[in-house]
Amino acid sequence: MLYWLPGTGASSARLYWESLRQVNEWISGSAGAPVTVPTGCSVFPKELQRPSRRWAERRFPNIRYWNEPGKGGHFAAFEQPALFVDEVRSFFRLVR
């Protein structure tokens, strides 16, 4: 309803349509230089793109935290807020 009532569904979908190829290139590691900062990855089961750790490490070679929770999706912070907070905290415990 948040997209339907104000008539913003098409513009929000356009962002995904225009950036999908670039996101897939980033995930596969074929676009740009590696990101070397400490990285945490939580790959939720209903996310649109679900890279394997091997693929993610091509682009992000300094993965310090990796988890694949059993619940959640593209809007994990809204769908599973407690789980999302636990994921963020778990990563930052390792890098503080």
PDB file of N, CA and C in Angstrom:
ATOM      1  N   MET A   1       0.820  -1.186   0.000  1.00  0.00           N
ATOM      2  CA  MET A   1       0.000   0.000   0.000  1.00  0.00           C
ATOM      3  C   MET A   1       0.867   1.253   0.000  1.00  0.00           C
ATOM      4  N   LEU A   2       2.066   1.161   0.600  1.00  0.00           N
ATOM      5  CA  LEU A   2       2.932   2.339   0.647  1.00  0.00           C
ATOM      6  C   LEU A   2       3.354   2.801  -0.741  1.00  0.00           C
ATOM      7  N   TYR A   3       3.397   1.892  -1.690  1.00  0.00           N
ATOM      8  CA  TYR A   3       3.730   2.256  -3.069  1.00  0.00           C
ATOM      9  C   TYR A   3       2.469   2.516  -3.895  1.00  0.00           C
ATOM     10  N   TRP A   4       1.410   1.785  -3.611  1.00  0.00           N
ATOM     11  CA  TRP A   4       0.203   1.857  -4.420  1.00  0.00           C
ATOM     12  C   TRP A   4      -0.534   3.192  -4.241  1.00  0.00           C
ATOM     13  N   LEU A   5      -0.779   3.585  -3.011  1.00  0.00           N
ATOM     14  CA  LEU A   5      -1.575   4.788  -2.753  1.00  0.00           C
ATOM     15  C   LEU A   5      -0.936   6.069  -3.300  1.00  0.00           C
ATOM     16  N   PRO A   6       0.357   6.302  -3.075  1.00  0.00           N
ATOM     17  CA  PRO A   6       0.934   7.532  -3.630  1.00  0.00           C
ATOM     18  C   PRO A   6       1.341   7.406  -5.102  1.00  0.00           C
ATOM     19  N   GLY A   7       1.154   6.219  -5.683  1.00  0.00           N
ATOM     20  CA  GLY A   7       1.486   6.033  -7.095  1.00  0.00           C
ATOM     21  C   GLY A   7       2.979   5.985  -7.376  1.00  0.00           C
ATOM     22  N   THR A   8       3.751   5.429  -6.445  1.00  0.00           N
ATOM     23  CA  THR A   8       5.207   5.394  -6.611  1.00  0.00           C
ATOM     24  C   THR A   8       5.735   3.998  -6.921  1.00  0.00           C
ATOM     25  N   GLY A   9       4.850   3.055  -7.207  1.00  0.00           N
ATOM     26  CA  GLY A   9       5.273   1.684  -7.490  1.00  0.00           C
ATOM     27  C   GLY A   9       6.188   1.576  -8.692  1.00  0.00           C
ATOM     28  N   ALA A  10       5.839   2.280  -9.773  1.00  0.00           N
ATOM     29  CA  ALA A  10       6.655   2.202 -10.995  1.00  0.00           C
ATOM     30  C   ALA A  10       8.040   2.784 -10.778  1.00  0.00           C
ATOM     31  N   SER A  11       8.140   3.900 -10.092  1.00  0.00           N
ATOM     32  CA  SER A  11       9.459   4.506  -9.882  1.00  0.00           C
ATOM     33  C   SER A  11      10.323   3.655  -8.956  1.00  0.00           C
ATOM     34  N   SER A  12       9.712   3.004  -7.963  1.00  0.00           N
ATOM     35  CA  SER A  12      10.521   2.153  -7.089  1.00  0.00           C
ATOM     36  C   SER A  12      10.980   0.900  -7.835  1.00  0.00           C
ATOM     37  N   ALA A  13      10.126   0.336  -8.678  1.00  0.00           N
ATOM     38  CA  ALA A  13      10.508  -0.835  -9.464  1.00  0.00           C
ATOM     39  C   ALA A  13      11.571  -0.480 -10.493  1.00  0.00           C
ATOM     40  N   ARG A  14      11.520   0.713 -11.003  1.00  0.00           N
ATOM     41  CA  ARG A  14      12.497   1.140 -12.008  1.00  0.00           C
ATOM     42  C   ARG A  14      13.912   1.101 -11.449  1.00  0.00           C
ATOM     43  N   LEU A  15      14.073   1.494 -10.205  1.00  0.00           N
ATOM     44  CA  LEU A  15      15.390   1.441  -9.564  1.00  0.00           C
ATOM     45  C   LEU A  15      15.956   0.030  -9.624  1.00  0.00           C
ATOM     46  N   TYR A  16      15.131  -0.969  -9.300  1.00  0.00           N
ATOM     47  CA  TYR A  16      15.585  -2.357  -9.339  1.00  0.00           C
ATOM     48  C   TYR A  16      15.900  -2.787 -10.770  1.00  0.00           C
ATOM     49  N   TRP A  17      15.039  -2.452 -11.690  1.00  0.00           N
ATOM     50  CA  TRP A  17      15.225  -2.844 -13.085  1.00  0.00           C
ATOM     51  C   TRP A  17      16.525  -2.281 -13.650  1.00  0.00           C
ATOM     52  N   GLU A  18      16.795  -1.011 -13.363  1.00  0.00           N
ATOM     53  CA  GLU A  18      17.979  -0.360 -13.916  1.00  0.00           C
ATOM     54  C   GLU A  18      19.266  -0.800 -13.235  1.00  0.00           C
ATOM     55  N   SER A  19      19.197  -1.238 -11.990  1.00  0.00           N
ATOM     56  CA  SER A  19      20.425  -1.568 -11.269  1.00  0.00           C
ATOM     57  C   SER A  19      20.678  -3.063 -11.129  1.00  0.00           C
ATOM     58  N   LEU A  20      19.747  -3.915 -11.557  1.00  0.00           N
ATOM     59  CA  LEU A  20      19.877  -5.355 -11.338  1.00  0.00           C
ATOM     60  C   LEU A  20      21.146  -5.924 -11.967  1.00  0.00           C
ATOM     61  N   ARG A  21      21.455  -5.554 -13.196  1.00  0.00           N
ATOM     62  CA  ARG A  21      22.651  -6.084 -13.852  1.00  0.00           C
ATOM     63  C   ARG A  21      23.908  -5.664 -13.100  1.00  0.00           C
ATOM     64  N   GLN A  22      23.953  -4.393 -12.675  1.00  0.00           N
ATOM     65  CA  GLN A  22      25.126  -3.919 -11.956  1.00  0.00           C
ATOM     66  C   GLN A  22      25.288  -4.638 -10.617  1.00  0.00           C
ATOM     67  N   VAL A  23      24.210  -4.865  -9.908  1.00  0.00           N
ATOM     68  CA  VAL A  23      24.277  -5.586  -8.638  1.00  0.00           C
ATOM     69  C   VAL A  23      24.773  -7.011  -8.869  1.00  0.00           C
ATOM     70  N   ASN A  24      24.284  -7.666  -9.890  1.00  0.00           N
ATOM     71  CA  ASN A  24      24.748  -9.018 -10.209  1.00  0.00           C
ATOM     72  C   ASN A  24      26.238  -9.026 -10.541  1.00  0.00           C
ATOM     73  N   GLU A  25      26.717  -7.974 -11.236  1.00  0.00           N
ATOM     74  CA  GLU A  25      28.149  -7.884 -11.534  1.00  0.00           C
ATOM     75  C   GLU A  25      28.953  -7.688 -10.256  1.00  0.00           C
ATOM     76  N   TRP A  26      28.459  -6.875  -9.339  1.00  0.00           N
ATOM     77  CA  TRP A  26      29.163  -6.674  -8.075  1.00  0.00           C
ATOM     78  C   TRP A  26      29.249  -7.973  -7.300  1.00  0.00           C
ATOM     79  N   ILE A  27      28.139  -8.705  -7.257  1.00  0.00           N
ATOM     80  CA  ILE A  27      28.116  -9.964  -6.515  1.00  0.00           C
ATOM     81  C   ILE A  27      29.077 -10.975  -7.133  1.00  0.00           C
ATOM     82  N   SER A  28      29.110 -11.036  -8.450  1.00  0.00           N
ATOM     83  CA  SER A  28      29.974 -12.013  -9.107  1.00  0.00           C
ATOM     84  C   SER A  28      31.436 -11.596  -9.084  1.00  0.00           C
ATOM     85  N   GLY A  29      31.718 -10.357  -8.703  1.00  0.00           N
ATOM     86  CA  GLY A  29      33.095  -9.892  -8.609  1.00  0.00           C
ATOM     87  C   GLY A  29      33.673  -9.383  -9.906  1.00  0.00           C
ATOM     88  N   SER A  30      32.846  -9.239 -10.931  1.00  0.00           N
ATOM     89  CA  SER A  30      33.380  -8.813 -12.220  1.00  0.00           C
ATOM     90  C   SER A  30      33.352  -7.299 -12.400  1.00  0.00           C
ATOM     91  N   ALA A  31      32.811  -6.557 -11.469  1.00  0.00           N
ATOM     92  CA  ALA A  31      32.709  -5.105 -11.620  1.00  0.00           C
ATOM     93  C   ALA A  31      33.522  -4.410 -10.539  1.00  0.00           C
ATOM     94  N   GLY A  32      34.475  -3.590 -10.956  1.00  0.00           N
ATOM     95  CA  GLY A  32      35.196  -2.751 -10.022  1.00  0.00           C
ATOM     96  C   GLY A  32      36.250  -3.445  -9.195  1.00  0.00           C
ATOM     97  N   ALA A  33      36.917  -2.624  -8.390  1.00  0.00           N
ATOM     98  CA  ALA A  33      37.992  -3.090  -7.530  1.00  0.00           C
ATOM     99  C   ALA A  33      37.421  -3.768  -6.285  1.00  0.00           C
ATOM    100  N   PRO A  34      38.195  -4.656  -5.683  1.00  0.00           N
ATOM    101  CA  PRO A  34      37.729  -5.303  -4.459  1.00  0.00           C
ATOM    102  C   PRO A  34      37.493  -4.284  -3.345  1.00  0.00           C
ATOM    103  N   VAL A  35      36.541  -4.563  -2.495  1.00  0.00           N
ATOM    104  CA  VAL A  35      36.253  -3.749  -1.319  1.00  0.00           C
ATOM    105  C   VAL A  35      36.961  -4.436  -0.157  1.00  0.00           C
ATOM    106  N   THR A  36      37.992  -3.791   0.402  1.00  0.00           N
ATOM    107  CA  THR A  36      38.857  -4.468   1.368  1.00  0.00           C
ATOM    108  C   THR A  36      38.544  -4.144   2.825  1.00  0.00           C
ATOM    109  N   VAL A  37      37.579  -3.288   3.093  1.00  0.00           N
ATOM    110  CA  VAL A  37      37.228  -2.998   4.487  1.00  0.00           C
ATOM    111  C   VAL A  37      36.600  -4.237   5.118  1.00  0.00           C
ATOM    112  N   PRO A  38      36.674  -4.378   6.439  1.00  0.00           N
ATOM    113  CA  PRO A  38      36.013  -5.511   7.088  1.00  0.00           C
ATOM    114  C   PRO A  38      34.527  -5.530   6.722  1.00  0.00           C
ATOM    115  N   THR A  39      34.041  -6.696   6.356  1.00  0.00           N
ATOM    116  CA  THR A  39      32.681  -6.822   5.837  1.00  0.00           C
ATOM    117  C   THR A  39      31.919  -7.888   6.598  1.00  0.00           C
ATOM    118  N   GLY A  40      30.643  -7.614   6.834  1.00  0.00           N
ATOM    119  CA  GLY A  40      29.739  -8.588   7.423  1.00  0.00           C
ATOM    120  C   GLY A  40      28.608  -8.857   6.451  1.00  0.00           C
ATOM    121  N   CYS A  41      28.260 -10.117   6.271  1.00  0.00           N
ATOM    122  CA  CYS A  41      27.198 -10.498   5.332  1.00  0.00           C
ATOM    123  C   CYS A  41      26.169 -11.365   6.032  1.00  0.00           C
ATOM    124  N   SER A  42      24.926 -10.940   5.941  1.00  0.00           N
ATOM    125  CA  SER A  42      23.800 -11.749   6.386  1.00  0.00           C
ATOM    126  C   SER A  42      22.947 -11.982   5.150  1.00  0.00           C
ATOM    127  N   VAL A  43      22.932 -13.198   4.677  1.00  0.00           N
ATOM    128  CA  VAL A  43      22.208 -13.530   3.450  1.00  0.00           C
ATOM    129  C   VAL A  43      20.879 -14.162   3.849  1.00  0.00           C
ATOM    130  N   PHE A  44      19.828 -13.360   3.798  1.00  0.00           N
ATOM    131  CA  PHE A  44      18.504 -13.819   4.215  1.00  0.00           C
ATOM    132  C   PHE A  44      17.880 -14.684   3.129  1.00  0.00           C
ATOM    133  N   PRO A  45      17.091 -15.693   3.517  1.00  0.00           N
ATOM    134  CA  PRO A  45      16.624 -16.693   2.550  1.00  0.00           C
ATOM    135  C   PRO A  45      15.696 -16.160   1.455  1.00  0.00           C
ATOM    136  N   LYS A  46      15.005 -15.074   1.697  1.00  0.00           N
ATOM    137  CA  LYS A  46      14.093 -14.570   0.671  1.00  0.00           C
ATOM    138  C   LYS A  46      14.603 -13.283   0.033  1.00  0.00           C
ATOM    139  N   GLU A  47      15.905 -13.062   0.091  1.00  0.00           N
ATOM    140  CA  GLU A  47      16.520 -11.914  -0.570  1.00  0.00           C
ATOM    141  C   GLU A  47      16.510 -12.129  -2.068  1.00  0.00           C
ATOM    142  N   LEU A  48      16.557 -11.045  -2.820  1.00  0.00           N
ATOM    143  CA  LEU A  48      16.514 -11.148  -4.283  1.00  0.00           C
ATOM    144  C   LEU A  48      17.776 -11.790  -4.846  1.00  0.00           C
ATOM    145  N   GLN A  49      18.935 -11.331  -4.390  1.00  0.00           N
ATOM    146  CA  GLN A  49      20.197 -11.946  -4.795  1.00  0.00           C
ATOM    147  C   GLN A  49      20.785 -12.648  -3.578  1.00  0.00           C
ATOM    148  N   ARG A  50      21.187 -13.902  -3.776  1.00  0.00           N
ATOM    149  CA  ARG A  50      21.751 -14.672  -2.674  1.00  0.00           C
ATOM    150  C   ARG A  50      23.101 -15.245  -3.104  1.00  0.00           C
ATOM    151  N   PRO A  51      24.166 -14.456  -2.984  1.00  0.00           N
ATOM    152  CA  PRO A  51      25.467 -14.958  -3.410  1.00  0.00           C
ATOM    153  C   PRO A  51      26.003 -16.019  -2.455  1.00  0.00           C
ATOM    154  N   SER A  52      26.812 -16.896  -2.987  1.00  0.00           N
ATOM    155  CA  SER A  52      27.527 -17.823  -2.109  1.00  0.00           C
ATOM    156  C   SER A  52      28.684 -17.047  -1.489  1.00  0.00           C
ATOM    157  N   ARG A  53      29.221 -17.574  -0.422  1.00  0.00           N
ATOM    158  CA  ARG A  53      30.362 -16.892   0.198  1.00  0.00           C
ATOM    159  C   ARG A  53      31.544 -16.822  -0.780  1.00  0.00           C
ATOM    160  N   ARG A  54      31.731 -17.883  -1.547  1.00  0.00           N
ATOM    161  CA  ARG A  54      32.828 -17.915  -2.521  1.00  0.00           C
ATOM    162  C   ARG A  54      32.690 -16.765  -3.515  1.00  0.00           C
ATOM    163  N   TRP A  55      31.499 -16.509  -4.009  1.00  0.00           N
ATOM    164  CA  TRP A  55      31.286 -15.401  -4.939  1.00  0.00           C
ATOM    165  C   TRP A  55      31.484 -14.058  -4.240  1.00  0.00           C
ATOM    166  N   ALA A  56      30.940 -13.939  -3.036  1.00  0.00           N
ATOM    167  CA  ALA A  56      31.051 -12.679  -2.301  1.00  0.00           C
ATOM    168  C   ALA A  56      32.511 -12.343  -2.004  1.00  0.00           C
ATOM    169  N   GLU A  57      33.325 -13.349  -1.737  1.00  0.00           N
ATOM    170  CA  GLU A  57      34.731 -13.092  -1.412  1.00  0.00           C
ATOM    171  C   GLU A  57      35.532 -12.569  -2.603  1.00  0.00           C
ATOM    172  N   ARG A  58      35.045 -12.759  -3.800  1.00  0.00           N
ATOM    173  CA  ARG A  58      35.726 -12.175  -4.969  1.00  0.00           C
ATOM    174  C   ARG A  58      35.691 -10.653  -4.906  1.00  0.00           C
ATOM    175  N   ARG A  59      34.586 -10.113  -4.491  1.00  0.00           N
ATOM    176  CA  ARG A  59      34.406  -8.661  -4.418  1.00  0.00           C
ATOM    177  C   ARG A  59      34.778  -8.122  -3.039  1.00  0.00           C
ATOM    178  N   PHE A  60      34.497  -8.898  -1.993  1.00  0.00           N
ATOM    179  CA  PHE A  60      34.730  -8.493  -0.610  1.00  0.00           C
ATOM    180  C   PHE A  60      35.680  -9.493   0.048  1.00  0.00           C
ATOM    181  N   PRO A  61      36.996  -9.368  -0.164  1.00  0.00           N
ATOM    182  CA  PRO A  61      37.940 -10.384   0.320  1.00  0.00           C
ATOM    183  C   PRO A  61      38.140 -10.401   1.839  1.00  0.00           C
ATOM    184  N   ASN A  62      37.640  -9.395   2.543  1.00  0.00           N
ATOM    185  CA  ASN A  62      37.850  -9.313   3.986  1.00  0.00           C
ATOM    186  C   ASN A  62      36.534  -9.560   4.740  1.00  0.00           C
ATOM    187  N   ILE A  63      35.841 -10.637   4.411  1.00  0.00           N
ATOM    188  CA  ILE A  63      34.590 -10.967   5.098  1.00  0.00           C
ATOM    189  C   ILE A  63      34.926 -11.509   6.475  1.00  0.00           C
ATOM    190  N   ARG A  64      34.476 -10.785   7.486  1.00  0.00           N
ATOM    191  CA  ARG A  64      34.732 -11.187   8.868  1.00  0.00           C
ATOM    192  C   ARG A  64      33.553 -11.925   9.464  1.00  0.00           C
ATOM    193  N   TYR A  65      32.361 -11.663   8.937  1.00  0.00           N
ATOM    194  CA  TYR A  65      31.160 -12.299   9.471  1.00  0.00           C
ATOM    195  C   TYR A  65      30.294 -12.733   8.303  1.00  0.00           C
ATOM    196  N   TRP A  66      29.844 -13.980   8.339  1.00  0.00           N
ATOM    197  CA  TRP A  66      28.958 -14.519   7.309  1.00  0.00           C
ATOM    198  C   TRP A  66      27.901 -15.373   8.000  1.00  0.00           C
ATOM    199  N   ASN A  67      26.647 -15.117   7.694  1.00  0.00           N
ATOM    200  CA  ASN A  67      25.580 -15.936   8.255  1.00  0.00           C
ATOM    201  C   ASN A  67      24.433 -15.986   7.259  1.00  0.00           C
ATOM    202  N   GLU A  68      23.729 -17.097   7.283  1.00  0.00           N
ATOM    203  CA  GLU A  68      22.546 -17.273   6.453  1.00  0.00           C
ATOM    204  C   GLU A  68      21.379 -17.618   7.377  1.00  0.00           C
ATOM    205  N   PRO A  69      20.718 -16.578   7.927  1.00  0.00           N
ATOM    206  CA  PRO A  69      19.612 -16.809   8.859  1.00  0.00           C
ATOM    207  C   PRO A  69      18.477 -17.599   8.210  1.00  0.00           C
ATOM    208  N   GLY A  70      17.656 -18.214   9.022  1.00  0.00           N
ATOM    209  CA  GLY A  70      16.561 -19.034   8.526  1.00  0.00           C
ATOM    210  C   GLY A  70      15.303 -18.265   8.151  1.00  0.00           C
ATOM    211  N   LYS A  71      15.237 -16.975   8.522  1.00  0.00           N
ATOM    212  CA  LYS A  71      14.053 -16.167   8.242  1.00  0.00           C
ATOM    213  C   LYS A  71      14.484 -14.817   7.679  1.00  0.00           C
ATOM    214  N   GLY A  72      13.547 -14.150   7.013  1.00  0.00           N
ATOM    215  CA  GLY A  72      13.795 -12.800   6.533  1.00  0.00           C
ATOM    216  C   GLY A  72      13.954 -12.752   5.034  1.00  0.00           C
ATOM    217  N   GLY A  73      13.895 -11.540   4.529  1.00  0.00           N
ATOM    218  CA  GLY A  73      13.990 -11.357   3.092  1.00  0.00           C
ATOM    219  C   GLY A  73      14.552 -10.009   2.744  1.00  0.00           C
ATOM    220  N   HIS A  74      14.067  -9.442   1.667  1.00  0.00           N
ATOM    221  CA  HIS A  74      14.595  -8.189   1.138  1.00  0.00           C
ATOM    222  C   HIS A  74      14.481  -7.045   2.148  1.00  0.00           C
ATOM    223  N   PHE A  75      13.439  -7.045   2.947  1.00  0.00           N
ATOM    224  CA  PHE A  75      13.258  -6.020   3.968  1.00  0.00           C
ATOM    225  C   PHE A  75      13.430  -6.643   5.355  1.00  0.00           C
ATOM    226  N   ALA A  76      14.544  -7.294   5.563  1.00  0.00           N
ATOM    227  CA  ALA A  76      14.781  -8.056   6.795  1.00  0.00           C
ATOM    228  C   ALA A  76      14.654  -7.199   8.050  1.00  0.00           C
ATOM    229  N   ALA A  77      15.072  -5.947   8.000  1.00  0.00           N
ATOM    230  CA  ALA A  77      14.996  -5.089   9.178  1.00  0.00           C
ATOM    231  C   ALA A  77      13.550  -4.861   9.606  1.00  0.00           C
ATOM    232  N   PHE A  78      12.628  -4.888   8.656  1.00  0.00           N
ATOM    233  CA  PHE A  78      11.210  -4.732   8.980  1.00  0.00           C
ATOM    234  C   PHE A  78      10.547  -6.076   9.278  1.00  0.00           C
ATOM    235  N   GLU A  79      10.975  -7.115   8.568  1.00  0.00           N
ATOM    236  CA  GLU A  79      10.351  -8.430   8.695  1.00  0.00           C
ATOM    237  C   GLU A  79      10.777  -9.161   9.958  1.00  0.00           C
ATOM    238  N   GLN A  80      12.049  -9.072  10.280  1.00  0.00           N
ATOM    239  CA  GLN A  80      12.632  -9.776  11.433  1.00  0.00           C
ATOM    240  C   GLN A  80      13.540  -8.810  12.193  1.00  0.00           C
ATOM    241  N   PRO A  81      12.985  -7.778  12.822  1.00  0.00           N
ATOM    242  CA  PRO A  81      13.838  -6.738  13.418  1.00  0.00           C
ATOM    243  C   PRO A  81      14.805  -7.253  14.489  1.00  0.00           C
ATOM    244  N   ALA A  82      14.360  -8.147  15.343  1.00  0.00           N
ATOM    245  CA  ALA A  82      15.256  -8.660  16.391  1.00  0.00           C
ATOM    246  C   ALA A  82      16.400  -9.461  15.782  1.00  0.00           C
ATOM    247  N   LEU A  83      16.096 -10.284  14.809  1.00  0.00           N
ATOM    248  CA  LEU A  83      17.122 -11.063  14.128  1.00  0.00           C
ATOM    249  C   LEU A  83      18.100 -10.148  13.402  1.00  0.00           C
ATOM    250  N   PHE A  84      17.590  -9.132  12.733  1.00  0.00           N
ATOM    251  CA  PHE A  84      18.447  -8.184  12.019  1.00  0.00           C
ATOM    252  C   PHE A  84      19.411  -7.480  12.985  1.00  0.00           C
ATOM    253  N   VAL A  85      18.894  -7.026  14.120  1.00  0.00           N
ATOM    254  CA  VAL A  85      19.745  -6.368  15.123  1.00  0.00           C
ATOM    255  C   VAL A  85      20.809  -7.334  15.633  1.00  0.00           C
ATOM    256  N   ASP A  86      20.445  -8.589  15.873  1.00  0.00           N
ATOM    257  CA  ASP A  86      21.428  -9.589  16.302  1.00  0.00           C
ATOM    258  C   ASP A  86      22.523  -9.769  15.264  1.00  0.00           C
ATOM    259  N   GLU A  87      22.161  -9.758  13.984  1.00  0.00           N
ATOM    260  CA  GLU A  87      23.150  -9.900  12.917  1.00  0.00           C
ATOM    261  C   GLU A  87      24.121  -8.714  12.905  1.00  0.00           C
ATOM    262  N   VAL A  88      23.599  -7.512  13.004  1.00  0.00           N
ATOM    263  CA  VAL A  88      24.449  -6.314  13.018  1.00  0.00           C
ATOM    264  C   VAL A  88      25.375  -6.340  14.230  1.00  0.00           C
ATOM    265  N   ARG A  89      24.830  -6.658  15.376  1.00  0.00           N
ATOM    266  CA  ARG A  89      25.646  -6.713  16.603  1.00  0.00           C
ATOM    267  C   ARG A  89      26.725  -7.792  16.510  1.00  0.00           C
ATOM    268  N   SER A  90      26.384  -8.928  15.941  1.00  0.00           N
ATOM    269  CA  SER A  90      27.367 -10.014  15.817  1.00  0.00           C
ATOM    270  C   SER A  90      28.558  -9.594  14.987  1.00  0.00           C
ATOM    271  N   PHE A  91      28.303  -8.868  13.907  1.00  0.00           N
ATOM    272  CA  PHE A  91      29.417  -8.383  13.082  1.00  0.00           C
ATOM    273  C   PHE A  91      30.247  -7.359  13.838  1.00  0.00           C
ATOM    274  N   PHE A  92      29.599  -6.361  14.438  1.00  0.00           N
ATOM    275  CA  PHE A  92      30.354  -5.285  15.063  1.00  0.00           C
ATOM    276  C   PHE A  92      31.094  -5.738  16.315  1.00  0.00           C
ATOM    277  N   ARG A  93      30.661  -6.805  16.960  1.00  0.00           N
ATOM    278  CA  ARG A  93      31.443  -7.365  18.068  1.00  0.00           C
ATOM    279  C   ARG A  93      32.824  -7.806  17.591  1.00  0.00           C
ATOM    280  N   LEU A  94      32.876  -8.263  16.339  1.00  0.00           N
ATOM    281  CA  LEU A  94      34.144  -8.770  15.797  1.00  0.00           C
ATOM    282  C   LEU A  94      35.106  -7.668  15.365  1.00  0.00           C
ATOM    283  N   VAL A  95      34.603  -6.482  15.078  1.00  0.00           N
ATOM    284  CA  VAL A  95      35.465  -5.439  14.508  1.00  0.00           C
ATOM    285  C   VAL A  95      35.647  -4.215  15.399  1.00  0.00           C
ATOM    286  N   ARG A  96      35.077  -4.222  16.586  1.00  0.00           N
ATOM    287  CA  ARG A  96      35.268  -3.026  17.434  1.00  0.00           C
ATOM    288  C   ARG A  96      36.561  -3.062  18.179  1.00  0.00           C
TER     289      ARG A  96
END
